[in-house]
Structures are given as C-alpha cells and as structure tokens.
N, C-alpha and C. Protein backbone atom coordinates (compact mmCIF):
# COMPACT_ATOMS: atom_id res chain seq x y z
N UNK A 1 33.60 -17.29 11.70
CA UNK A 1 32.08 -17.28 12.11
C UNK A 1 31.47 -16.13 11.77
N UNK A 2 32.04 -14.81 11.86
CA UNK A 2 31.57 -13.73 11.28
C UNK A 2 31.33 -13.71 9.87
N UNK A 3 32.10 -14.20 9.00
CA UNK A 3 31.87 -14.39 7.51
C UNK A 3 30.45 -15.30 7.47
N UNK A 4 30.58 -16.31 8.17
CA UNK A 4 29.17 -17.39 8.00
C UNK A 4 28.12 -16.41 8.38
N UNK A 5 28.03 -15.58 9.30
CA UNK A 5 26.69 -15.02 9.73
C UNK A 5 26.44 -14.03 8.74
N UNK A 6 27.38 -13.18 8.14
CA UNK A 6 27.25 -12.33 6.97
C UNK A 6 26.48 -12.79 5.91
N UNK A 7 26.95 -14.20 5.47
CA UNK A 7 26.25 -14.75 4.30
C UNK A 7 25.12 -15.28 4.52
N UNK A 8 24.51 -15.70 5.87
CA UNK A 8 23.16 -16.08 5.93
C UNK A 8 22.29 -14.86 6.46
N UNK A 9 22.56 -13.68 6.46
CA UNK A 9 21.61 -12.76 6.69
C UNK A 9 20.62 -12.37 5.75
N UNK A 10 19.41 -12.07 5.88
CA UNK A 10 18.41 -12.09 4.65
C UNK A 10 18.82 -10.91 4.01
N UNK A 11 18.62 -10.98 2.60
CA UNK A 11 18.96 -9.82 1.74
C UNK A 11 17.57 -9.18 1.29
N UNK A 12 16.62 -9.04 1.96
CA UNK A 12 15.31 -8.46 1.69
C UNK A 12 15.28 -7.02 2.23
N UNK A 13 15.08 -6.14 1.22
CA UNK A 13 14.88 -4.84 1.58
C UNK A 13 13.46 -4.45 1.24
N UNK A 14 12.91 -3.55 2.21
CA UNK A 14 11.62 -3.16 2.10
C UNK A 14 11.70 -1.46 2.08
N UNK A 15 11.34 -0.85 1.33
CA UNK A 15 11.62 0.53 1.26
C UNK A 15 10.01 1.06 1.20
N UNK A 16 9.76 1.75 2.29
CA UNK A 16 8.50 2.57 2.51
C UNK A 16 8.61 3.91 3.09
N UNK A 17 8.79 4.68 2.23
CA UNK A 17 9.25 6.28 2.78
C UNK A 17 7.90 6.95 3.15
N UNK A 18 6.53 6.39 2.74
CA UNK A 18 5.56 7.27 2.85
C UNK A 18 4.66 6.50 3.75
N UNK A 19 3.71 6.91 4.52
CA UNK A 19 2.84 6.20 5.40
C UNK A 19 1.60 6.21 4.39
N UNK A 20 1.10 4.85 3.87
CA UNK A 20 0.00 4.78 3.12
C UNK A 20 -0.94 3.91 4.11
N UNK A 21 -2.20 4.10 3.57
CA UNK A 21 -3.31 3.42 4.34
C UNK A 21 -3.27 1.88 3.85
N UNK A 22 -2.77 1.83 2.46
CA UNK A 22 -2.90 0.20 1.97
C UNK A 22 -1.40 0.16 1.15
N UNK A 23 -0.68 -1.12 1.37
CA UNK A 23 0.48 -1.44 0.70
C UNK A 23 0.49 -1.14 -0.85
N UNK A 24 1.42 -0.65 -1.70
CA UNK A 24 1.18 -0.46 -2.99
C UNK A 24 2.36 -1.33 -3.44
N UNK A 25 1.89 -1.89 -4.68
CA UNK A 25 2.81 -2.94 -5.60
C UNK A 25 3.18 -2.35 -6.80
N UNK A 26 4.35 -2.23 -7.23
CA UNK A 26 4.82 -1.86 -8.64
C UNK A 26 4.45 -3.08 -9.44
N UNK A 27 3.34 -2.69 -10.46
CA UNK A 27 2.97 -3.81 -11.46
C UNK A 27 2.42 -2.88 -12.65
N UNK A 28 2.76 -3.45 -13.94
CA UNK A 28 2.13 -2.94 -15.03
C UNK A 28 1.12 -3.90 -15.59
N UNK A 29 -0.23 -3.28 -15.54
CA UNK A 29 -1.24 -3.90 -16.16
C UNK A 29 -1.89 -3.04 -17.10
N UNK A 30 -2.59 -3.59 -18.36
CA UNK A 30 -3.33 -2.94 -19.31
C UNK A 30 -4.62 -2.54 -18.81
N UNK A 31 -5.15 -1.23 -18.98
CA UNK A 31 -6.43 -0.85 -18.79
C UNK A 31 -7.21 -0.34 -19.86
N UNK A 32 -8.32 -0.71 -19.83
CA UNK A 32 -9.40 0.13 -20.77
C UNK A 32 -10.21 1.13 -20.16
N UNK A 33 -10.34 2.12 -20.30
CA UNK A 33 -11.30 3.22 -19.73
C UNK A 33 -11.99 3.87 -20.91
N UNK A 34 -13.25 4.51 -20.05
CA UNK A 34 -14.18 5.13 -20.97
C UNK A 34 -14.49 6.63 -20.78
N UNK A 35 -14.34 7.30 -21.69
CA UNK A 35 -15.03 8.61 -21.70
C UNK A 35 -15.89 8.75 -22.72
N UNK A 36 -15.80 9.16 -23.73
CA UNK A 36 -16.62 9.26 -24.80
C UNK A 36 -16.42 7.97 -25.78
N UNK A 37 -15.08 7.59 -25.72
CA UNK A 37 -14.73 6.36 -26.62
C UNK A 37 -13.84 5.51 -25.87
N UNK A 38 -13.58 4.35 -25.95
CA UNK A 38 -12.60 3.42 -25.10
C UNK A 38 -11.21 3.84 -25.67
N UNK A 39 -10.27 3.80 -24.63
CA UNK A 39 -8.92 4.15 -24.89
C UNK A 39 -7.88 3.20 -24.06
N UNK A 40 -6.84 2.89 -24.13
CA UNK A 40 -5.90 2.01 -23.58
C UNK A 40 -4.82 2.79 -22.77
N UNK A 41 -4.69 2.24 -21.59
CA UNK A 41 -3.70 2.86 -20.60
C UNK A 41 -2.72 1.80 -19.92
N UNK A 42 -1.90 2.07 -19.10
CA UNK A 42 -1.51 0.99 -18.13
C UNK A 42 -1.12 1.47 -16.81
N UNK A 43 -0.95 0.60 -15.93
CA UNK A 43 -0.68 0.95 -14.37
C UNK A 43 0.81 1.05 -14.15
N UNK A 44 1.08 1.71 -13.11
CA UNK A 44 2.59 1.96 -12.61
C UNK A 44 2.77 1.19 -11.34
N UNK A 45 1.52 1.38 -10.57
CA UNK A 45 1.42 0.58 -9.35
C UNK A 45 0.03 0.51 -8.80
N UNK A 46 -0.24 -0.02 -7.90
CA UNK A 46 -1.68 -0.61 -7.46
C UNK A 46 -1.76 -0.93 -5.96
N UNK A 47 -2.95 -0.39 -5.40
CA UNK A 47 -3.15 -0.87 -4.05
C UNK A 47 -4.74 -1.26 -3.76
N UNK A 48 -4.98 -1.43 -2.59
CA UNK A 48 -6.50 -1.66 -2.48
C UNK A 48 -7.23 -0.11 -2.49
N UNK A 49 -6.60 1.02 -2.18
CA UNK A 49 -7.20 2.27 -2.51
C UNK A 49 -7.14 2.87 -3.74
N UNK A 50 -6.16 2.43 -4.76
CA UNK A 50 -6.22 3.14 -5.76
C UNK A 50 -4.86 2.75 -6.40
N UNK A 51 -4.45 3.37 -7.72
CA UNK A 51 -3.20 3.26 -8.26
C UNK A 51 -2.74 4.06 -9.14
N UNK A 52 -1.45 4.01 -9.51
CA UNK A 52 -0.76 4.97 -10.66
C UNK A 52 -1.22 4.44 -11.86
N UNK A 53 -1.61 5.33 -12.87
CA UNK A 53 -1.88 5.23 -14.12
C UNK A 53 -1.63 5.93 -14.99
N UNK A 54 -0.94 5.39 -16.25
CA UNK A 54 -0.11 6.29 -17.23
C UNK A 54 -1.19 6.34 -18.41
N UNK A 55 -1.79 7.59 -18.59
CA UNK A 55 -2.49 7.79 -19.78
C UNK A 55 -1.88 8.17 -21.00
N UNK A 56 -2.32 8.03 -22.34
CA UNK A 56 -1.72 8.58 -23.30
C UNK A 56 -2.05 10.12 -23.51
N UNK A 57 -3.21 10.64 -22.88
CA UNK A 57 -3.29 12.17 -22.96
C UNK A 57 -3.60 12.75 -21.49
N UNK A 58 -3.56 13.92 -21.45
CA UNK A 58 -3.85 14.63 -20.25
C UNK A 58 -5.15 14.41 -19.86
N UNK A 59 -5.49 14.41 -18.44
CA UNK A 59 -6.68 14.37 -17.91
C UNK A 59 -6.76 15.24 -16.90
N UNK A 60 -8.08 15.68 -16.50
CA UNK A 60 -8.46 16.68 -15.30
C UNK A 60 -8.55 15.97 -14.24
N UNK A 61 -7.83 16.69 -12.85
CA UNK A 61 -7.89 16.15 -11.70
C UNK A 61 -9.40 16.26 -11.33
N UNK A 62 -9.80 15.16 -10.36
CA UNK A 62 -11.34 15.43 -10.09
C UNK A 62 -12.25 14.84 -11.07
N UNK A 63 -11.77 14.21 -12.13
CA UNK A 63 -12.46 13.64 -13.28
C UNK A 63 -12.56 12.33 -13.01
N UNK A 64 -13.85 11.66 -13.09
CA UNK A 64 -14.50 10.25 -13.03
C UNK A 64 -14.10 9.29 -14.26
N UNK A 65 -13.70 8.43 -14.07
CA UNK A 65 -13.46 7.36 -15.30
C UNK A 65 -13.90 5.93 -15.10
N UNK A 66 -14.67 5.31 -16.00
CA UNK A 66 -14.97 4.10 -15.87
C UNK A 66 -14.06 2.99 -16.55
N UNK A 67 -13.35 2.07 -15.76
CA UNK A 67 -12.41 1.41 -16.32
C UNK A 67 -12.64 0.02 -16.39
N UNK A 68 -11.64 -0.92 -17.01
CA UNK A 68 -11.44 -2.44 -17.06
C UNK A 68 -9.94 -2.59 -16.85
N UNK A 69 -9.69 -3.32 -15.78
CA UNK A 69 -8.28 -3.47 -15.29
C UNK A 69 -8.06 -5.20 -15.89
N UNK A 70 -7.03 -5.43 -16.64
CA UNK A 70 -7.10 -6.66 -17.01
C UNK A 70 -5.60 -7.21 -16.26
N UNK A 71 -5.86 -8.45 -15.91
CA UNK A 71 -4.80 -9.15 -15.05
C UNK A 71 -4.88 -10.57 -15.32
N UNK A 72 -3.91 -11.51 -14.91
CA UNK A 72 -3.93 -12.93 -14.95
C UNK A 72 -3.47 -13.44 -13.38
N UNK A 73 -4.06 -14.56 -13.12
CA UNK A 73 -3.76 -15.08 -11.86
C UNK A 73 -3.60 -16.79 -12.50
N UNK A 74 -2.56 -16.93 -12.46
CA UNK A 74 -2.20 -18.41 -12.96
C UNK A 74 -2.34 -18.38 -14.44
N UNK A 75 -3.31 -19.26 -15.29
CA UNK A 75 -3.45 -19.22 -16.54
C UNK A 75 -4.62 -18.51 -17.01
N UNK A 76 -5.32 -18.05 -15.89
CA UNK A 76 -6.65 -17.35 -16.39
C UNK A 76 -6.40 -15.80 -16.71
N UNK A 77 -7.06 -15.32 -17.50
CA UNK A 77 -7.22 -13.85 -17.82
C UNK A 77 -8.44 -13.47 -16.96
N UNK A 78 -8.41 -12.42 -16.23
CA UNK A 78 -9.49 -11.67 -15.51
C UNK A 78 -9.63 -10.32 -15.60
N UNK A 79 -10.82 -9.74 -15.25
CA UNK A 79 -10.76 -8.21 -15.40
C UNK A 79 -11.44 -7.88 -14.18
N UNK A 80 -11.20 -6.67 -13.68
CA UNK A 80 -11.89 -5.89 -12.71
C UNK A 80 -12.42 -4.60 -13.21
N UNK A 81 -13.65 -4.32 -12.96
CA UNK A 81 -14.36 -3.17 -13.36
C UNK A 81 -14.46 -2.18 -12.22
N UNK A 82 -14.44 -0.92 -12.54
CA UNK A 82 -14.48 -0.01 -11.50
C UNK A 82 -14.42 1.45 -12.02
N UNK A 83 -15.06 2.30 -10.92
CA UNK A 83 -15.10 3.75 -11.50
C UNK A 83 -14.06 4.27 -10.43
N UNK A 84 -13.15 5.20 -11.03
CA UNK A 84 -12.29 5.73 -10.28
C UNK A 84 -12.20 7.24 -10.46
N UNK A 85 -11.55 7.90 -9.50
CA UNK A 85 -11.51 9.32 -9.66
C UNK A 85 -10.23 9.76 -9.64
N UNK A 86 -9.75 10.79 -10.57
CA UNK A 86 -8.38 11.14 -10.81
C UNK A 86 -8.28 12.24 -9.54
N UNK A 87 -7.05 11.95 -8.75
CA UNK A 87 -6.86 12.60 -7.53
C UNK A 87 -5.73 13.40 -7.66
N UNK A 88 -4.70 13.06 -8.58
CA UNK A 88 -3.39 13.93 -8.71
C UNK A 88 -2.62 13.54 -9.91
N UNK A 89 -1.93 14.64 -10.44
CA UNK A 89 -1.17 14.46 -11.83
C UNK A 89 0.17 15.03 -11.09
N UNK A 90 1.50 14.32 -11.79
CA UNK A 90 2.53 14.69 -11.40
C UNK A 90 3.42 14.45 -12.78
N UNK A 91 3.74 15.43 -13.44
CA UNK A 91 4.57 15.60 -14.77
C UNK A 91 5.92 15.17 -14.49
N UNK A 92 6.44 15.14 -13.30
CA UNK A 92 7.80 14.67 -13.08
C UNK A 92 7.97 13.21 -13.25
N UNK A 93 6.86 12.52 -12.97
CA UNK A 93 6.96 11.10 -13.19
C UNK A 93 6.97 10.60 -14.51
N UNK A 94 6.64 11.57 -15.43
CA UNK A 94 6.32 11.24 -16.95
C UNK A 94 7.77 10.69 -17.68
N UNK A 95 7.84 9.58 -18.22
CA UNK A 95 9.18 8.84 -18.60
C UNK A 95 9.43 9.34 -19.98
N UNK A 96 8.67 9.42 -20.99
CA UNK A 96 8.91 9.73 -22.31
C UNK A 96 7.98 10.79 -22.86
N UNK A 97 7.28 11.61 -22.00
CA UNK A 97 6.49 12.62 -22.63
C UNK A 97 5.40 12.36 -23.54
N UNK A 98 5.12 10.83 -23.56
CA UNK A 98 3.94 10.54 -24.48
C UNK A 98 2.92 9.65 -23.54
N UNK A 99 3.37 9.67 -22.08
CA UNK A 99 2.41 9.04 -21.25
C UNK A 99 2.44 9.97 -19.98
N UNK A 100 1.17 10.26 -19.49
CA UNK A 100 0.85 11.13 -18.50
C UNK A 100 0.58 10.47 -17.16
N UNK A 101 1.33 10.53 -16.09
CA UNK A 101 1.05 9.86 -14.88
C UNK A 101 -0.06 10.51 -14.06
N UNK A 102 -1.20 9.87 -13.46
CA UNK A 102 -1.96 10.32 -12.68
C UNK A 102 -2.53 9.27 -11.40
N UNK A 103 -2.60 9.90 -10.40
CA UNK A 103 -3.14 8.89 -9.32
C UNK A 103 -4.44 8.97 -9.28
N UNK A 104 -5.07 7.73 -9.23
CA UNK A 104 -6.75 7.68 -9.18
C UNK A 104 -6.98 6.65 -7.88
N UNK A 105 -8.13 6.80 -7.35
CA UNK A 105 -8.53 6.35 -6.39
C UNK A 105 -9.89 5.47 -6.70
N UNK A 106 -10.31 4.26 -6.13
CA UNK A 106 -11.32 3.74 -6.51
C UNK A 106 -12.88 4.34 -5.60
N UNK A 107 -13.61 4.69 -6.65
CA UNK A 107 -14.90 5.20 -6.14
C UNK A 107 -15.98 4.27 -5.86
N UNK A 108 -16.03 3.36 -6.94
CA UNK A 108 -17.02 2.35 -6.95
C UNK A 108 -16.67 0.85 -7.68
N UNK A 109 -16.64 0.06 -6.83
CA UNK A 109 -16.13 -1.31 -7.22
C UNK A 109 -17.03 -2.41 -6.62
N UNK A 110 -17.31 -3.47 -7.40
CA UNK A 110 -18.30 -4.41 -6.79
C UNK A 110 -17.57 -5.18 -5.77
N UNK A 111 -18.52 -5.78 -4.86
CA UNK A 111 -17.69 -6.81 -3.88
C UNK A 111 -16.94 -7.72 -4.65
N UNK A 112 -17.64 -8.47 -5.49
CA UNK A 112 -16.74 -9.47 -6.44
C UNK A 112 -15.57 -9.01 -6.96
N UNK A 113 -15.64 -7.83 -7.36
CA UNK A 113 -14.27 -7.20 -8.22
C UNK A 113 -13.20 -6.82 -6.90
N UNK A 114 -13.88 -6.48 -5.97
CA UNK A 114 -13.04 -5.97 -4.86
C UNK A 114 -12.26 -7.22 -4.24
N UNK A 115 -12.83 -8.49 -4.18
CA UNK A 115 -12.29 -9.54 -3.73
C UNK A 115 -11.15 -10.07 -4.74
N UNK A 116 -11.56 -9.93 -5.99
CA UNK A 116 -10.52 -10.29 -7.13
C UNK A 116 -9.33 -9.16 -6.90
N UNK A 117 -9.59 -7.81 -6.47
CA UNK A 117 -8.42 -6.91 -6.22
C UNK A 117 -7.62 -7.47 -5.19
N UNK A 118 -8.45 -7.73 -3.99
CA UNK A 118 -7.42 -8.27 -2.89
C UNK A 118 -6.56 -9.47 -3.10
N UNK A 119 -7.31 -10.45 -3.90
CA UNK A 119 -6.55 -11.63 -4.14
C UNK A 119 -5.52 -11.66 -5.10
N UNK A 120 -5.62 -10.64 -6.01
CA UNK A 120 -4.29 -10.03 -6.84
C UNK A 120 -3.23 -9.48 -6.16
N UNK A 121 -3.70 -8.56 -5.27
CA UNK A 121 -2.58 -7.94 -4.28
C UNK A 121 -2.01 -8.88 -3.34
N UNK A 122 -2.70 -9.88 -2.71
CA UNK A 122 -2.33 -10.97 -1.91
C UNK A 122 -1.17 -11.80 -2.74
N UNK A 123 -1.55 -12.08 -3.96
CA UNK A 123 -0.63 -12.95 -4.81
C UNK A 123 0.84 -12.04 -4.98
N UNK A 124 0.82 -10.93 -4.92
CA UNK A 124 1.96 -9.83 -5.16
C UNK A 124 2.58 -9.79 -4.11
N UNK A 125 2.08 -10.00 -2.73
CA UNK A 125 2.78 -9.62 -1.62
C UNK A 125 3.59 -10.67 -0.87
N UNK A 126 4.32 -10.61 0.23
CA UNK A 126 5.14 -11.41 0.77
C UNK A 126 4.78 -11.32 2.40
N UNK A 127 4.90 -12.12 3.02
CA UNK A 127 4.71 -12.26 4.54
C UNK A 127 5.42 -11.16 5.13
N UNK A 128 6.58 -10.76 4.60
CA UNK A 128 7.22 -9.48 5.15
C UNK A 128 6.52 -8.18 5.08
N UNK A 129 5.82 -8.14 3.66
CA UNK A 129 5.24 -6.92 3.37
C UNK A 129 3.88 -6.72 4.34
N UNK A 130 3.26 -8.20 4.69
CA UNK A 130 2.27 -8.01 5.49
C UNK A 130 2.62 -7.63 6.88
N UNK A 131 3.77 -8.08 7.40
CA UNK A 131 4.41 -7.63 8.80
C UNK A 131 4.59 -6.29 8.99
N UNK A 132 5.26 -5.84 7.71
CA UNK A 132 5.62 -4.28 7.65
C UNK A 132 4.28 -3.36 7.61
N UNK A 133 3.19 -3.93 7.06
CA UNK A 133 2.06 -3.06 6.76
C UNK A 133 1.47 -3.01 8.18
N UNK A 134 1.32 -4.22 8.81
CA UNK A 134 0.81 -4.38 10.38
C UNK A 134 1.74 -3.46 11.29
N UNK A 135 2.93 -3.50 11.34
CA UNK A 135 3.74 -2.65 12.05
C UNK A 135 3.51 -1.19 11.90
N UNK A 136 3.25 -0.63 10.51
CA UNK A 136 3.01 0.78 10.24
C UNK A 136 1.52 1.14 10.61
N UNK A 137 0.65 0.25 10.49
CA UNK A 137 -0.78 0.63 10.93
C UNK A 137 -0.72 0.93 12.56
N UNK A 138 -0.04 -0.07 13.26
CA UNK A 138 -0.18 0.06 14.54
C UNK A 138 0.74 1.34 15.33
N UNK A 139 1.81 1.52 14.41
CA UNK A 139 2.67 2.74 14.91
C UNK A 139 1.88 4.08 14.37
N UNK A 140 1.17 3.96 13.27
CA UNK A 140 0.36 5.42 13.11
C UNK A 140 -0.68 5.75 13.94
N UNK A 141 -1.34 4.51 14.34
CA UNK A 141 -2.71 4.49 15.39
C UNK A 141 -2.26 5.14 16.73
N UNK A 142 -0.91 4.45 16.96
CA UNK A 142 -0.27 4.98 18.39
C UNK A 142 -0.05 6.45 18.32
N UNK A 143 0.66 6.81 17.13
CA UNK A 143 1.05 8.26 16.99
C UNK A 143 -0.22 9.13 17.03
N UNK A 144 -1.27 8.72 16.44
CA UNK A 144 -2.34 9.58 16.32
C UNK A 144 -2.92 9.51 17.70
N UNK A 145 -3.14 8.71 18.32
CA UNK A 145 -3.72 8.40 19.74
C UNK A 145 -2.89 9.59 20.66
N UNK A 146 -1.32 9.42 20.65
CA UNK A 146 -0.57 10.26 21.52
C UNK A 146 -0.49 11.74 21.10
N UNK A 147 -0.78 12.02 19.73
CA UNK A 147 -0.91 13.20 19.41
C UNK A 147 -2.24 13.79 19.80
N UNK A 148 -3.46 13.12 19.63
CA UNK A 148 -4.57 13.34 20.03
C UNK A 148 -4.85 13.90 21.28
N UNK A 149 -4.03 13.11 22.20
CA UNK A 149 -3.89 13.36 23.74
C UNK A 149 -3.41 14.56 24.03
N UNK A 150 -2.53 15.13 23.18
CA UNK A 150 -1.32 16.20 23.40
C UNK A 150 -0.24 15.66 23.96
N UNK A 151 -0.05 14.59 23.85
CA UNK A 151 1.32 13.87 24.17
C UNK A 151 2.17 13.74 22.95
N UNK A 152 3.38 14.40 22.73
CA UNK A 152 4.24 14.05 21.68
C UNK A 152 5.47 13.26 22.15
N UNK A 153 5.55 12.18 21.38
CA UNK A 153 6.56 10.77 22.10
C UNK A 153 7.52 10.79 20.87
N UNK A 154 8.49 10.13 21.21
CA UNK A 154 9.47 9.82 20.29
C UNK A 154 9.34 7.94 20.53
N UNK A 155 10.21 7.45 19.45
CA UNK A 155 10.15 6.01 19.59
C UNK A 155 10.76 5.43 20.99
N UNK A 156 11.92 6.23 21.27
CA UNK A 156 12.61 5.78 22.56
C UNK A 156 11.51 5.81 23.71
N UNK A 157 10.75 7.16 23.71
CA UNK A 157 9.92 7.31 24.94
C UNK A 157 8.68 6.15 24.87
N UNK A 158 8.42 5.70 23.87
CA UNK A 158 7.42 4.74 23.58
C UNK A 158 7.97 3.37 24.23
N UNK A 159 9.26 3.10 23.94
CA UNK A 159 9.86 1.81 24.28
C UNK A 159 10.19 1.92 25.64
N UNK A 160 10.61 2.99 26.27
CA UNK A 160 10.90 2.78 27.73
C UNK A 160 9.48 2.83 28.42
N UNK A 161 8.54 3.50 28.10
CA UNK A 161 7.25 3.26 28.66
C UNK A 161 6.80 1.93 28.64
N UNK A 162 6.96 1.17 27.63
CA UNK A 162 6.41 -0.14 27.37
C UNK A 162 7.21 -1.05 28.27
N UNK A 163 8.65 -1.01 28.43
CA UNK A 163 9.52 -1.79 29.13
C UNK A 163 9.11 -1.42 30.58
N UNK A 164 8.81 -0.25 31.05
CA UNK A 164 8.50 -0.06 32.33
C UNK A 164 7.47 -0.97 32.81
N UNK A 165 6.38 -0.78 31.96
CA UNK A 165 4.95 -1.46 32.36
C UNK A 165 5.38 -3.16 32.39
N UNK A 166 6.13 -3.50 31.40
CA UNK A 166 6.51 -4.95 31.37
C UNK A 166 7.07 -5.31 32.65
N UNK A 167 7.88 -4.45 33.24
CA UNK A 167 8.88 -4.89 34.50
C UNK A 167 7.73 -4.93 35.65
N UNK A 168 6.78 -4.02 35.73
CA UNK A 168 5.83 -3.79 36.70
C UNK A 168 5.09 -5.19 36.92
N UNK A 169 4.51 -5.54 35.84
CA UNK A 169 3.48 -6.77 35.51
C UNK A 169 4.26 -8.02 35.98
N UNK A 170 5.69 -7.95 35.73
CA UNK A 170 6.51 -9.24 36.02
C UNK A 170 6.79 -9.47 37.31
N UNK A 171 6.75 -8.06 38.35
CA UNK A 171 7.02 -8.01 39.67
C UNK A 171 5.69 -8.39 40.26
N UNK A 172 4.53 -8.11 39.90
CA UNK A 172 3.44 -7.99 40.44
C UNK A 172 2.64 -9.45 40.28
N UNK A 173 3.27 -10.40 39.37
CA UNK A 173 2.83 -11.70 39.19
C UNK A 173 2.96 -12.65 40.08
N UNK A 174 2.06 -13.51 40.37
CA UNK A 174 2.09 -14.43 41.37
C UNK A 174 3.16 -15.38 41.46
N UNK A 175 3.63 -15.71 40.05
CA UNK A 175 4.70 -16.51 39.91
C UNK A 175 5.99 -16.01 40.43
N UNK A 176 6.16 -14.76 40.28
CA UNK A 176 7.40 -14.14 40.54
C UNK A 176 7.68 -14.15 42.13
N UNK A 177 6.60 -14.24 42.94
CA UNK A 177 6.48 -14.20 44.51
C UNK A 177 6.95 -15.55 44.69
N UNK A 178 7.02 -16.55 44.11
CA UNK A 178 7.30 -17.85 44.62
C UNK A 178 8.97 -18.09 44.61
C-alpha cells in the first residue's frame, strides 16, 4: 500500500524563496525598445509589476525606456507597449558577457495592454500558482498586521490562536448544546 501511495503523490514543486507582490514566470520573449534608435532585447521572466530583461548593452539604473513586448497566445502574434523604468542591475546573472540583466518595472501601460499582460500571465500560470500566491498574500498581510501592532508571532503561535478560537466557537454554537 505504501508503494502505491508514493506513486500517486503529486510531483509538483513550486519554489518561491522571495516574497513578491506579483507571481513571476520564467519566459523568454523578444522586446523592441527605444532610446535614440530601436534595439532588440529579450525577457528572462515577467510579472504584472515588471520583468527581467537582457539588454545587449549596459543601461543606467533609473532610466526610462519605451518598449514593445512581442508574444503569442494561440496562433496570434500580439504586442504590449509600455514605458518601463530600470530599477536594478545584476552582473552575476549575466550568462555570456554579451547580455546585461536588468530588472524593470512598468511605469505606464494602457488598460488594454494591461489586460493583454494579465491574460498572458494567466495562460502561463496553473491553479497551484494561484493558490500559492493567495496564501503568500494572506500570510504577508497577517505578518504586517502583527508587526504593526507590536506583536511578533511565529506560524505555530498563529496556528494555535486560530484553533483556540475555532474551539470556542464550536462550544458556543447552539448546535453543540443539543
């Protein structure tokens, strides 16, 4: 019986060592960006808040860029136009010395392109990603609330408080009196 249970356990692994506002997806898409002239780059990963981009030359942090992100959903080729701001650079991520990795965040994106972006990300995600994102959001809000009120708690303390409240409500319910 044990061997059968081991075979039927899910083999899904979700790694999220960082607490991010938006889930991030590893995907490589071509980008056309503009400074003085048009150039080509590609993404490393993407989220609703921004993405990792590999430029063919070095950029300045805090620089603004106008860009076009190319992607396909099904058989259609589509684009998302946006203005982004370069927020960080990490030379350790450079794979070959010919591409420079930078983190950019969205500064200006139209509502239509924002919808396209969300639809693209939704097509990349799974229900497990959505549940993990929701869990992390609730956990971070709870943690901020507890730290804001001056209470520092561990997950075990939170769990025990939750179960204590649950037991009290069960004792007080009219059904339990019957």
